[in-house]
PDB file of N, CA and C in Angstrom:
ATOM      1  N   UNK A   1      18.275   6.606 -16.911  1.00  0.00           N
ATOM      2  CA  UNK A   1      18.004   7.274 -18.599  1.00  0.00           C
ATOM      3  C   UNK A   1      18.875   6.595 -19.711  1.00  0.00           C
ATOM      4  N   UNK A   2      19.731   5.236 -19.251  1.00  0.00           N
ATOM      5  CA  UNK A   2      20.685   4.615 -19.790  1.00  0.00           C
ATOM      6  C   UNK A   2      19.633   3.919 -20.511  1.00  0.00           C
ATOM      7  N   UNK A   3      18.857   3.046 -19.935  1.00  0.00           N
ATOM      8  CA  UNK A   3      18.452   1.471 -19.451  1.00  0.00           C
ATOM      9  C   UNK A   3      17.123   1.779 -20.853  1.00  0.00           C
ATOM     10  N   UNK A   4      16.535   2.951 -20.237  1.00  0.00           N
ATOM     11  CA  UNK A   4      15.174   3.203 -20.991  1.00  0.00           C
ATOM     12  C   UNK A   4      15.685   3.190 -22.190  1.00  0.00           C
ATOM     13  N   UNK A   5      17.101   4.153 -22.082  1.00  0.00           N
ATOM     14  CA  UNK A   5      17.369   4.839 -23.843  1.00  0.00           C
ATOM     15  C   UNK A   5      17.796   3.510 -24.700  1.00  0.00           C
ATOM     16  N   UNK A   6      18.886   3.073 -24.230  1.00  0.00           N
ATOM     17  CA  UNK A   6      19.527   2.036 -24.892  1.00  0.00           C
ATOM     18  C   UNK A   6      19.108   0.589 -24.856  1.00  0.00           C
ATOM     19  N   UNK A   7      17.897  -0.332 -23.355  1.00  0.00           N
ATOM     20  CA  UNK A   7      17.917  -1.313 -23.811  1.00  0.00           C
ATOM     21  C   UNK A   7      17.104  -2.008 -23.892  1.00  0.00           C
ATOM     22  N   UNK A   8      16.544  -2.523 -24.621  1.00  0.00           N
ATOM     23  CA  UNK A   8      14.865  -3.272 -25.038  1.00  0.00           C
ATOM     24  C   UNK A   8      15.081  -4.243 -24.487  1.00  0.00           C
ATOM     25  N   UNK A   9      13.392  -4.329 -24.561  1.00  0.00           N
ATOM     26  CA  UNK A   9      12.996  -6.237 -23.797  1.00  0.00           C
ATOM     27  C   UNK A   9      13.723  -7.198 -25.007  1.00  0.00           C
ATOM     28  N   UNK A  10      13.795  -6.903 -25.681  1.00  0.00           N
ATOM     29  CA  UNK A  10      14.011  -8.308 -26.518  1.00  0.00           C
ATOM     30  C   UNK A  10      15.543  -8.029 -26.866  1.00  0.00           C
ATOM     31  N   UNK A  11      16.729  -7.620 -25.628  1.00  0.00           N
ATOM     32  CA  UNK A  11      17.994  -6.826 -25.698  1.00  0.00           C
ATOM     33  C   UNK A  11      17.954  -7.945 -24.551  1.00  0.00           C
ATOM     34  N   UNK A  12      17.355  -8.101 -22.846  1.00  0.00           N
ATOM     35  CA  UNK A  12      17.156  -8.807 -21.851  1.00  0.00           C
ATOM     36  C   UNK A  12      17.141 -10.033 -22.368  1.00  0.00           C
ATOM     37  N   UNK A  13      15.796 -10.003 -22.899  1.00  0.00           N
ATOM     38  CA  UNK A  13      15.092 -11.650 -22.950  1.00  0.00           C
ATOM     39  C   UNK A  13      15.922 -12.705 -23.669  1.00  0.00           C
ATOM     40  N   UNK A  14      16.815 -11.919 -24.666  1.00  0.00           N
ATOM     41  CA  UNK A  14      17.744 -12.814 -26.138  1.00  0.00           C
ATOM     42  C   UNK A  14      18.995 -13.214 -25.322  1.00  0.00           C
ATOM     43  N   UNK A  15      19.083 -12.655 -24.378  1.00  0.00           N
ATOM     44  CA  UNK A  15      20.393 -12.744 -22.871  1.00  0.00           C
ATOM     45  C   UNK A  15      20.198 -13.369 -21.886  1.00  0.00           C
ATOM     46  N   UNK A  16      19.107 -13.316 -21.265  1.00  0.00           N
ATOM     47  CA  UNK A  16      19.492 -14.560 -19.807  1.00  0.00           C
ATOM     48  C   UNK A  16      18.356 -15.351 -20.081  1.00  0.00           C
ATOM     49  N   UNK A  17      18.686 -16.422 -19.624  1.00  0.00           N
ATOM     50  CA  UNK A  17      18.033 -17.547 -19.388  1.00  0.00           C
ATOM     51  C   UNK A  17      16.239 -17.546 -18.694  1.00  0.00           C
ATOM     52  N   UNK A  18      15.740 -18.587 -19.034  1.00  0.00           N
ATOM     53  CA  UNK A  18      13.766 -18.367 -18.272  1.00  0.00           C
ATOM     54  C   UNK A  18      14.513 -18.011 -17.058  1.00  0.00           C
ATOM     55  N   UNK A  19      15.305 -18.865 -16.008  1.00  0.00           N
ATOM     56  CA  UNK A  19      15.446 -19.195 -15.142  1.00  0.00           C
ATOM     57  C   UNK A  19      16.160 -17.889 -14.680  1.00  0.00           C
ATOM     58  N   UNK A  20      16.814 -17.448 -14.735  1.00  0.00           N
ATOM     59  CA  UNK A  20      17.050 -16.110 -14.348  1.00  0.00           C
ATOM     60  C   UNK A  20      16.372 -14.856 -14.040  1.00  0.00           C
ATOM     61  N   UNK A  21      15.017 -14.844 -15.494  1.00  0.00           N
ATOM     62  CA  UNK A  21      14.226 -13.833 -15.689  1.00  0.00           C
ATOM     63  C   UNK A  21      13.500 -13.804 -14.002  1.00  0.00           C
ATOM     64  N   UNK A  22      13.286 -15.462 -13.930  1.00  0.00           N
ATOM     65  CA  UNK A  22      12.084 -15.764 -13.026  1.00  0.00           C
ATOM     66  C   UNK A  22      13.108 -15.116 -11.402  1.00  0.00           C
ATOM     67  N   UNK A  23      14.715 -15.415 -11.663  1.00  0.00           N
ATOM     68  CA  UNK A  23      15.085 -15.221 -10.294  1.00  0.00           C
ATOM     69  C   UNK A  23      15.213 -13.731  -9.947  1.00  0.00           C
ATOM     70  N   UNK A  24      14.946 -12.811 -10.611  1.00  0.00           N
ATOM     71  CA  UNK A  24      14.758 -11.369 -10.767  1.00  0.00           C
ATOM     72  C   UNK A  24      13.872 -10.758 -10.645  1.00  0.00           C
ATOM     73  N   UNK A  25      12.662 -11.674 -10.781  1.00  0.00           N
ATOM     74  CA  UNK A  25      11.405 -11.196 -10.509  1.00  0.00           C
ATOM     75  C   UNK A  25      10.708 -11.176  -8.706  1.00  0.00           C
ATOM     76  N   UNK A  26      11.675 -12.934  -8.755  1.00  0.00           N
ATOM     77  CA  UNK A  26      11.268 -13.780  -7.488  1.00  0.00           C
ATOM     78  C   UNK A  26      12.420 -13.353  -6.200  1.00  0.00           C
ATOM     79  N   UNK A  27      13.300 -12.867  -6.054  1.00  0.00           N
ATOM     80  CA  UNK A  27      14.351 -12.703  -5.684  1.00  0.00           C
ATOM     81  C   UNK A  27      14.848 -11.542  -5.566  1.00  0.00           C
ATOM     82  N   UNK A  28      15.848 -11.212  -4.333  1.00  0.00           N
ATOM     83  CA  UNK A  28      16.863 -10.226  -4.567  1.00  0.00           C
ATOM     84  C   UNK A  28      18.014 -11.075  -3.376  1.00  0.00           C
ATOM     85  N   UNK A  29      19.711 -10.668  -4.387  1.00  0.00           N
ATOM     86  CA  UNK A  29      20.194 -11.731  -3.550  1.00  0.00           C
ATOM     87  C   UNK A  29      20.511 -11.684  -1.982  1.00  0.00           C
ATOM     88  N   UNK A  30      20.771 -12.288  -1.755  1.00  0.00           N
ATOM     89  CA  UNK A  30      20.951 -12.699  -0.209  1.00  0.00           C
ATOM     90  C   UNK A  30      21.440 -11.781   0.769  1.00  0.00           C
ATOM     91  N   UNK A  31      22.606 -10.612   0.139  1.00  0.00           N
ATOM     92  CA  UNK A  31      23.758  -9.766   0.649  1.00  0.00           C
ATOM     93  C   UNK A  31      22.207  -8.170   0.239  1.00  0.00           C
ATOM     94  N   UNK A  32      21.737  -8.115  -0.587  1.00  0.00           N
ATOM     95  CA  UNK A  32      20.825  -7.357  -0.133  1.00  0.00           C
ATOM     96  C   UNK A  32      19.341  -7.292   0.359  1.00  0.00           C
ATOM     97  N   UNK A  33      19.766  -8.071   1.233  1.00  0.00           N
ATOM     98  CA  UNK A  33      18.242  -8.430   2.261  1.00  0.00           C
ATOM     99  C   UNK A  33      17.931  -7.072   3.172  1.00  0.00           C
ATOM    100  N   UNK A  34      18.754  -6.247   3.762  1.00  0.00           N
ATOM    101  CA  UNK A  34      18.741  -5.623   4.101  1.00  0.00           C
ATOM    102  C   UNK A  34      18.421  -3.957   3.721  1.00  0.00           C
ATOM    103  N   UNK A  35      18.247  -3.753   2.333  1.00  0.00           N
ATOM    104  CA  UNK A  35      16.986  -3.040   1.403  1.00  0.00           C
ATOM    105  C   UNK A  35      16.286  -2.764   2.405  1.00  0.00           C
ATOM    106  N   UNK A  36      15.715  -1.244   2.544  1.00  0.00           N
ATOM    107  CA  UNK A  36      14.616  -0.739   3.261  1.00  0.00           C
ATOM    108  C   UNK A  36      12.965  -1.260   2.177  1.00  0.00           C
ATOM    109  N   UNK A  37      13.134  -1.348   1.061  1.00  0.00           N
ATOM    110  CA  UNK A  37      12.253  -1.616   0.097  1.00  0.00           C
ATOM    111  C   UNK A  37      12.821  -2.966  -0.521  1.00  0.00           C
ATOM    112  N   UNK A  38      13.114  -4.405  -0.449  1.00  0.00           N
ATOM    113  CA  UNK A  38      13.232  -4.958  -0.915  1.00  0.00           C
ATOM    114  C   UNK A  38      12.622  -5.377  -2.618  1.00  0.00           C
ATOM    115  N   UNK A  39      11.308  -5.407  -2.182  1.00  0.00           N
ATOM    116  CA  UNK A  39      10.691  -5.754  -2.985  1.00  0.00           C
ATOM    117  C   UNK A  39      10.395  -4.530  -4.825  1.00  0.00           C
ATOM    118  N   UNK A  40      11.287  -3.523  -4.223  1.00  0.00           N
ATOM    119  CA  UNK A  40      11.968  -2.445  -4.934  1.00  0.00           C
ATOM    120  C   UNK A  40      12.963  -3.002  -6.152  1.00  0.00           C
ATOM    121  N   UNK A  41      13.650  -3.743  -5.787  1.00  0.00           N
ATOM    122  CA  UNK A  41      14.750  -4.515  -6.574  1.00  0.00           C
ATOM    123  C   UNK A  41      14.563  -5.548  -7.362  1.00  0.00           C
ATOM    124  N   UNK A  42      13.532  -6.421  -7.399  1.00  0.00           N
ATOM    125  CA  UNK A  42      12.718  -6.820  -7.499  1.00  0.00           C
ATOM    126  C   UNK A  42      11.999  -6.680  -9.177  1.00  0.00           C
ATOM    127  N   UNK A  43      12.208  -7.543 -10.659  1.00  0.00           N
ATOM    128  CA  UNK A  43      11.349  -6.475 -11.449  1.00  0.00           C
ATOM    129  C   UNK A  43      11.459  -7.623 -12.214  1.00  0.00           C
ATOM    130  N   UNK A  44      10.291  -7.473 -13.676  1.00  0.00           N
ATOM    131  CA  UNK A  44       9.867  -7.997 -14.156  1.00  0.00           C
ATOM    132  C   UNK A  44      10.591  -8.229 -15.786  1.00  0.00           C
ATOM    133  N   UNK A  45      11.196  -8.651 -16.778  1.00  0.00           N
ATOM    134  CA  UNK A  45      11.965  -8.255 -18.014  1.00  0.00           C
ATOM    135  C   UNK A  45      10.888  -8.082 -18.875  1.00  0.00           C
ATOM    136  N   UNK A  46       9.138  -8.385 -18.844  1.00  0.00           N
ATOM    137  CA  UNK A  46       8.064  -8.815 -19.485  1.00  0.00           C
ATOM    138  C   UNK A  46       7.421  -7.613 -19.835  1.00  0.00           C
ATOM    139  N   UNK A  47       7.963  -6.888 -18.486  1.00  0.00           N
ATOM    140  CA  UNK A  47       7.677  -5.440 -18.194  1.00  0.00           C
ATOM    141  C   UNK A  47       8.006  -4.380 -19.103  1.00  0.00           C
ATOM    142  N   UNK A  48       9.473  -4.406 -19.619  1.00  0.00           N
ATOM    143  CA  UNK A  48      10.496  -3.516 -20.143  1.00  0.00           C
ATOM    144  C   UNK A  48       9.232  -2.669 -21.550  1.00  0.00           C
ATOM    145  N   UNK A  49       8.651  -3.703 -22.349  1.00  0.00           N
ATOM    146  CA  UNK A  49       7.745  -2.832 -22.930  1.00  0.00           C
ATOM    147  C   UNK A  49       6.890  -1.954 -22.674  1.00  0.00           C
ATOM    148  N   UNK A  50       6.452  -1.998 -21.523  1.00  0.00           N
ATOM    149  CA  UNK A  50       5.677  -0.483 -21.017  1.00  0.00           C
ATOM    150  C   UNK A  50       5.682  -0.027 -19.718  1.00  0.00           C
ATOM    151  N   UNK A  51       7.072  -0.012 -18.629  1.00  0.00           N
ATOM    152  CA  UNK A  51       7.126   0.700 -17.924  1.00  0.00           C
ATOM    153  C   UNK A  51       8.156   0.811 -17.898  1.00  0.00           C
ATOM    154  N   UNK A  52       8.354   1.888 -17.408  1.00  0.00           N
ATOM    155  CA  UNK A  52       9.822   3.312 -16.760  1.00  0.00           C
ATOM    156  C   UNK A  52       9.516   2.421 -15.282  1.00  0.00           C
ATOM    157  N   UNK A  53       9.214   2.102 -14.454  1.00  0.00           N
ATOM    158  CA  UNK A  53       8.647   1.228 -13.241  1.00  0.00           C
ATOM    159  C   UNK A  53      10.186   0.212 -13.549  1.00  0.00           C
ATOM    160  N   UNK A  54      10.260  -0.598 -14.438  1.00  0.00           N
ATOM    161  CA  UNK A  54      10.768  -1.286 -14.866  1.00  0.00           C
ATOM    162  C   UNK A  54      12.265  -1.139 -14.764  1.00  0.00           C
ATOM    163  N   UNK A  55      12.142   0.445 -15.253  1.00  0.00           N
ATOM    164  CA  UNK A  55      13.818   0.566 -15.793  1.00  0.00           C
ATOM    165  C   UNK A  55      14.527   0.910 -14.028  1.00  0.00           C
ATOM    166  N   UNK A  56      13.973   1.852 -13.770  1.00  0.00           N
ATOM    167  CA  UNK A  56      13.587   2.176 -12.527  1.00  0.00           C
ATOM    168  C   UNK A  56      14.318   0.596 -11.286  1.00  0.00           C
ATOM    169  N   UNK A  57      13.274  -0.411 -11.256  1.00  0.00           N
ATOM    170  CA  UNK A  57      14.537  -1.467 -10.705  1.00  0.00           C
ATOM    171  C   UNK A  57      15.675  -1.796 -10.999  1.00  0.00           C
ATOM    172  N   UNK A  58      15.418  -2.026 -12.179  1.00  0.00           N
ATOM    173  CA  UNK A  58      16.648  -2.426 -13.180  1.00  0.00           C
ATOM    174  C   UNK A  58      17.979  -1.768 -12.041  1.00  0.00           C
ATOM    175  N   UNK A  59      17.596  -0.294 -12.568  1.00  0.00           N
ATOM    176  CA  UNK A  59      18.973   0.779 -11.785  1.00  0.00           C
ATOM    177  C   UNK A  59      18.789   0.192 -10.573  1.00  0.00           C
ATOM    178  N   UNK A  60      18.325   0.481  -9.940  1.00  0.00           N
ATOM    179  CA  UNK A  60      17.990   0.265  -8.344  1.00  0.00           C
ATOM    180  C   UNK A  60      18.375  -0.950  -7.612  1.00  0.00           C
ATOM    181  N   UNK A  61      18.399  -1.770  -8.401  1.00  0.00           N
ATOM    182  CA  UNK A  61      19.078  -3.341  -8.204  1.00  0.00           C
ATOM    183  C   UNK A  61      20.756  -3.218  -8.421  1.00  0.00           C
ATOM    184  N   UNK A  62      20.965  -2.828  -9.626  1.00  0.00           N
ATOM    185  CA  UNK A  62      22.500  -3.116  -9.890  1.00  0.00           C
ATOM    186  C   UNK A  62      23.154  -1.439  -8.931  1.00  0.00           C
ATOM    187  N   UNK A  63      22.629  -0.347  -8.634  1.00  0.00           N
ATOM    188  CA  UNK A  63      23.269   0.564  -7.892  1.00  0.00           C
ATOM    189  C   UNK A  63      23.305  -0.265  -6.695  1.00  0.00           C
ATOM    190  N   UNK A  64      22.150  -0.594  -6.080  1.00  0.00           N
ATOM    191  CA  UNK A  64      22.354  -1.548  -4.619  1.00  0.00           C
ATOM    192  C   UNK A  64      23.780  -2.430  -4.377  1.00  0.00           C
ATOM    193  N   UNK A  65      23.686  -3.436  -5.882  1.00  0.00           N
ATOM    194  CA  UNK A  65      25.082  -4.424  -5.610  1.00  0.00           C
ATOM    195  C   UNK A  65      26.145  -3.631  -6.191  1.00  0.00           C
ATOM    196  N   UNK A  66      26.155  -2.231  -6.226  1.00  0.00           N
ATOM    197  CA  UNK A  66      27.468  -1.653  -6.699  1.00  0.00           C
ATOM    198  C   UNK A  66      27.825  -1.041  -5.379  1.00  0.00           C
ATOM    199  N   UNK A  67      26.857  -0.662  -4.911  1.00  0.00           N
ATOM    200  CA  UNK A  67      27.952   0.040  -2.927  1.00  0.00           C
ATOM    201  C   UNK A  67      27.808  -1.051  -2.459  1.00  0.00           C
ATOM    202  N   UNK A  68      27.249  -2.164  -1.942  1.00  0.00           N
ATOM    203  CA  UNK A  68      27.086  -3.855  -1.784  1.00  0.00           C
ATOM    204  C   UNK A  68      28.858  -3.915  -1.951  1.00  0.00           C
ATOM    205  N   UNK A  69      28.735  -4.241  -2.985  1.00  0.00           N
ATOM    206  CA  UNK A  69      30.675  -4.512  -3.318  1.00  0.00           C
ATOM    207  C   UNK A  69      30.946  -3.401  -2.713  1.00  0.00           C
ATOM    208  N   UNK A  70      30.895  -2.335  -3.013  1.00  0.00           N
ATOM    209  CA  UNK A  70      31.990  -0.886  -3.573  1.00  0.00           C
ATOM    210  C   UNK A  70      32.314  -0.871  -1.911  1.00  0.00           C
ATOM    211  N   UNK A  71      31.209  -0.588  -1.449  1.00  0.00           N
ATOM    212  CA  UNK A  71      31.200   0.488   0.315  1.00  0.00           C
ATOM    213  C   UNK A  71      31.345  -0.915   1.679  1.00  0.00           C
ATOM    214  N   UNK A  72      30.731  -1.804   0.991  1.00  0.00           N
ATOM    215  CA  UNK A  72      31.298  -3.234   1.822  1.00  0.00           C
ATOM    216  C   UNK A  72      31.115  -2.835   3.431  1.00  0.00           C
ATOM    217  N   UNK A  73      29.679  -2.400   4.326  1.00  0.00           N
ATOM    218  CA  UNK A  73      29.933  -2.220   5.128  1.00  0.00           C
ATOM    219  C   UNK A  73      29.261  -3.008   5.920  1.00  0.00           C
ATOM    220  N   UNK A  74      30.034  -3.508   7.258  1.00  0.00           N
ATOM    221  CA  UNK A  74      28.797  -4.213   8.457  1.00  0.00           C
ATOM    222  C   UNK A  74      28.166  -4.128   8.488  1.00  0.00           C
ATOM    223  N   UNK A  75      27.082  -4.675   8.454  1.00  0.00           N
ATOM    224  CA  UNK A  75      25.557  -4.878   9.250  1.00  0.00           C
ATOM    225  C   UNK A  75      24.658  -4.310   7.782  1.00  0.00           C
ATOM    226  N   UNK A  76      25.044  -3.594   7.152  1.00  0.00           N
ATOM    227  CA  UNK A  76      24.221  -2.836   6.073  1.00  0.00           C
ATOM    228  C   UNK A  76      24.037  -3.441   4.449  1.00  0.00           C
ATOM    229  N   UNK A  77      24.159  -4.291   3.926  1.00  0.00           N
ATOM    230  CA  UNK A  77      23.643  -5.089   2.884  1.00  0.00           C
ATOM    231  C   UNK A  77      25.374  -5.325   2.718  1.00  0.00           C
ATOM    232  N   UNK A  78      26.300  -5.777   3.504  1.00  0.00           N
ATOM    233  CA  UNK A  78      26.888  -6.359   3.005  1.00  0.00           C
ATOM    234  C   UNK A  78      27.291  -7.700   2.434  1.00  0.00           C
ATOM    235  N   UNK A  79      28.110  -7.120   2.035  1.00  0.00           N
ATOM    236  CA  UNK A  79      28.379  -8.676   1.037  1.00  0.00           C
ATOM    237  C   UNK A  79      29.893  -9.786   1.774  1.00  0.00           C
ATOM    238  N   UNK A  80      29.828 -10.946   1.785  1.00  0.00           N
ATOM    239  CA  UNK A  80      30.546 -12.049   2.053  1.00  0.00           C
ATOM    240  C   UNK A  80      30.895 -12.410   1.481  1.00  0.00           C
ATOM    241  N   UNK A  81      32.233 -12.588   0.996  1.00  0.00           N
ATOM    242  CA  UNK A  81      32.753 -13.374  -0.451  1.00  0.00           C
ATOM    243  C   UNK A  81      32.633 -15.162   0.209  1.00  0.00           C
ATOM    244  N   UNK A  82      32.274 -15.308   1.399  1.00  0.00           N
ATOM    245  CA  UNK A  82      32.595 -16.490   1.766  1.00  0.00           C
ATOM    246  C   UNK A  82      30.965 -17.419   1.159  1.00  0.00           C
ATOM    247  N   UNK A  83      29.819 -16.475   1.575  1.00  0.00           N
ATOM    248  CA  UNK A  83      28.817 -16.888   2.169  1.00  0.00           C
ATOM    249  C   UNK A  83      27.803 -16.232   0.650  1.00  0.00           C
ATOM    250  N   UNK A  84      28.032 -15.123  -0.402  1.00  0.00           N
ATOM    251  CA  UNK A  84      26.953 -14.411  -0.986  1.00  0.00           C
ATOM    252  C   UNK A  84      27.596 -14.647  -2.372  1.00  0.00           C
ATOM    253  N   UNK A  85      29.100 -15.972  -2.595  1.00  0.00           N
ATOM    254  CA  UNK A  85      29.244 -15.453  -4.153  1.00  0.00           C
ATOM    255  C   UNK A  85      28.136 -16.097  -5.002  1.00  0.00           C
ATOM    256  N   UNK A  86      27.079 -16.733  -4.867  1.00  0.00           N
ATOM    257  CA  UNK A  86      26.376 -18.244  -5.288  1.00  0.00           C
ATOM    258  C   UNK A  86      25.493 -16.880  -6.002  1.00  0.00           C
ATOM    259  N   UNK A  87      25.234 -16.015  -4.972  1.00  0.00           N
ATOM    260  CA  UNK A  87      23.985 -14.704  -5.580  1.00  0.00           C
ATOM    261  C   UNK A  87      24.735 -13.555  -6.558  1.00  0.00           C
ATOM    262  N   UNK A  88      25.688 -13.241  -5.854  1.00  0.00           N
ATOM    263  CA  UNK A  88      26.695 -12.238  -7.010  1.00  0.00           C
ATOM    264  C   UNK A  88      26.227 -13.052  -8.107  1.00  0.00           C
ATOM    265  N   UNK A  89      26.860 -13.872  -8.398  1.00  0.00           N
ATOM    266  CA  UNK A  89      26.840 -14.915  -9.996  1.00  0.00           C
ATOM    267  C   UNK A  89      25.861 -14.598 -10.469  1.00  0.00           C
ATOM    268  N   UNK A  90      24.555 -14.771  -9.818  1.00  0.00           N
ATOM    269  CA  UNK A  90      23.452 -14.860 -10.604  1.00  0.00           C
ATOM    270  C   UNK A  90      22.836 -12.943 -10.992  1.00  0.00           C
ATOM    271  N   UNK A  91      23.868 -12.182 -10.378  1.00  0.00           N
ATOM    272  CA  UNK A  91      23.592 -10.455 -10.655  1.00  0.00           C
ATOM    273  C   UNK A  91      24.654 -10.507 -11.733  1.00  0.00           C
ATOM    274  N   UNK A  92      25.669 -10.853 -11.981  1.00  0.00           N
ATOM    275  CA  UNK A  92      26.192 -10.920 -12.991  1.00  0.00           C
ATOM    276  C   UNK A  92      25.769 -11.072 -15.020  1.00  0.00           C
ATOM    277  N   UNK A  93      24.963 -11.887 -15.229  1.00  0.00           N
ATOM    278  CA  UNK A  93      24.598 -11.920 -16.480  1.00  0.00           C
ATOM    279  C   UNK A  93      23.111 -10.942 -16.563  1.00  0.00           C
ATOM    280  N   UNK A  94      22.846 -10.603 -15.521  1.00  0.00           N
ATOM    281  CA  UNK A  94      21.990  -8.863 -15.724  1.00  0.00           C
ATOM    282  C   UNK A  94      22.961  -7.708 -16.218  1.00  0.00           C
ATOM    283  N   UNK A  95      24.206  -7.766 -15.889  1.00  0.00           N
ATOM    284  CA  UNK A  95      25.622  -6.557 -16.031  1.00  0.00           C
ATOM    285  C   UNK A  95      25.830  -6.564 -16.952  1.00  0.00           C
ATOM    286  N   UNK A  96      25.743  -8.230 -17.497  1.00  0.00           N
ATOM    287  CA  UNK A  96      27.201  -8.418 -18.666  1.00  0.00           C
ATOM    288  C   UNK A  96      26.112  -7.806 -19.934  1.00  0.00           C
ATOM    289  N   UNK A  97      24.547  -8.007 -19.555  1.00  0.00           N
ATOM    290  CA  UNK A  97      23.929  -8.487 -21.012  1.00  0.00           C
ATOM    291  C   UNK A  97      23.530  -6.885 -20.930  1.00  0.00           C
ATOM    292  N   UNK A  98      23.023  -6.036 -19.768  1.00  0.00           N
ATOM    293  CA  UNK A  98      23.238  -4.715 -20.455  1.00  0.00           C
ATOM    294  C   UNK A  98      24.051  -3.694 -21.147  1.00  0.00           C
ATOM    295  N   UNK A  99      25.527  -4.057 -20.692  1.00  0.00           N
ATOM    296  CA  UNK A  99      27.135  -3.300 -20.550  1.00  0.00           C
ATOM    297  C   UNK A  99      27.552  -4.059 -22.054  1.00  0.00           C
ATOM    298  N   UNK A 100      26.979  -5.368 -22.806  1.00  0.00           N
ATOM    299  CA  UNK A 100      27.261  -5.495 -23.938  1.00  0.00           C
ATOM    300  C   UNK A 100      25.973  -5.086 -24.892  1.00  0.00           C
ATOM    301  N   UNK A 101      24.968  -4.897 -24.698  1.00  0.00           N
ATOM    302  CA  UNK A 101      23.795  -4.128 -25.270  1.00  0.00           C
ATOM    303  C   UNK A 101      24.416  -2.793 -25.528  1.00  0.00           C
ATOM    304  N   UNK A 102      24.457  -2.290 -24.789  1.00  0.00           N
ATOM    305  CA  UNK A 102      24.972  -0.847 -24.956  1.00  0.00           C
ATOM    306  C   UNK A 102      26.431  -0.265 -26.080  1.00  0.00           C
ATOM    307  N   UNK A 103      26.721  -1.480 -25.185  1.00  0.00           N
ATOM    308  CA  UNK A 103      28.773  -1.065 -25.880  1.00  0.00           C
ATOM    309  C   UNK A 103      28.448  -1.709 -27.640  1.00  0.00           C
ATOM    310  N   UNK A 104      27.915  -2.754 -27.992  1.00  0.00           N
ATOM    311  CA  UNK A 104      27.722  -3.350 -29.418  1.00  0.00           C
ATOM    312  C   UNK A 104      26.641  -2.696 -29.997  1.00  0.00           C
ATOM    313  N   UNK A 105      25.607  -2.084 -29.968  1.00  0.00           N
ATOM    314  CA  UNK A 105      24.309  -1.316 -30.623  1.00  0.00           C
ATOM    315  C   UNK A 105      25.280  -0.048 -30.888  1.00  0.00           C
ATOM    316  N   UNK A 106      25.482   0.527 -29.592  1.00  0.00           N
ATOM    317  CA  UNK A 106      25.946   2.082 -30.024  1.00  0.00           C
ATOM    318  C   UNK A 106      27.696   2.504 -29.504  1.00  0.00           C
ATOM    319  N   UNK A 107      28.331   1.646 -29.170  1.00  0.00           N
ATOM    320  CA  UNK A 107      29.381   1.688 -29.290  1.00  0.00           C
ATOM    321  C   UNK A 107      29.705   1.859 -30.485  1.00  0.00           C
ATOM    322  N   UNK A 108      31.213   3.100 -31.167  1.00  0.00           N
ATOM    323  CA  UNK A 108      31.550   3.695 -31.745  1.00  0.00           C
ATOM    324  C   UNK A 108      32.975   3.310 -31.848  1.00  0.00           C
ATOM    325  N   UNK A 109      33.401   2.930 -32.989  1.00  0.00           N
ATOM    326  CA  UNK A 109      35.353   2.307 -32.852  1.00  0.00           C
ATOM    327  C   UNK A 109      36.209   3.713 -33.161  1.00  0.00           C
ATOM    328  N   UNK A 110      37.373   4.254 -32.253  1.00  0.00           N
ATOM    329  CA  UNK A 110      38.403   4.445 -31.787  1.00  0.00           C
ATOM    330  C   UNK A 110      39.708   4.405 -32.767  1.00  0.00           C
ATOM    331  N   UNK A 111      39.096   5.417 -33.746  1.00  0.00           N
ATOM    332  CA  UNK A 111      41.030   4.994 -34.895  1.00  0.00           C
ATOM    333  C   UNK A 111      41.554   6.308 -34.261  1.00  0.00           C
TER     334      UNK A 111
END
């Protein structure tokens, strides 16, 4: 809901390189390969203008990454910092772009 309400196509397109946009469409991080529907984690930013499904896929991807890091159980989407660091680095710009968009466009100053 937050994504569809506050994050627009232009926000992400302007914040992410073409290489990363292609990566999110074609790949999932190695530590998420065991997700039952890994294709459900791939999305095209170019579809944001007309697809609630895309927001759902972004949300599922972020949630799967979060769970992999926080719960980090052996055998199920296990994040191994020695092997998976490079894949995680590719996910950070997406999280950063979303967070910055929401904070900058809709945050207010507390006095």
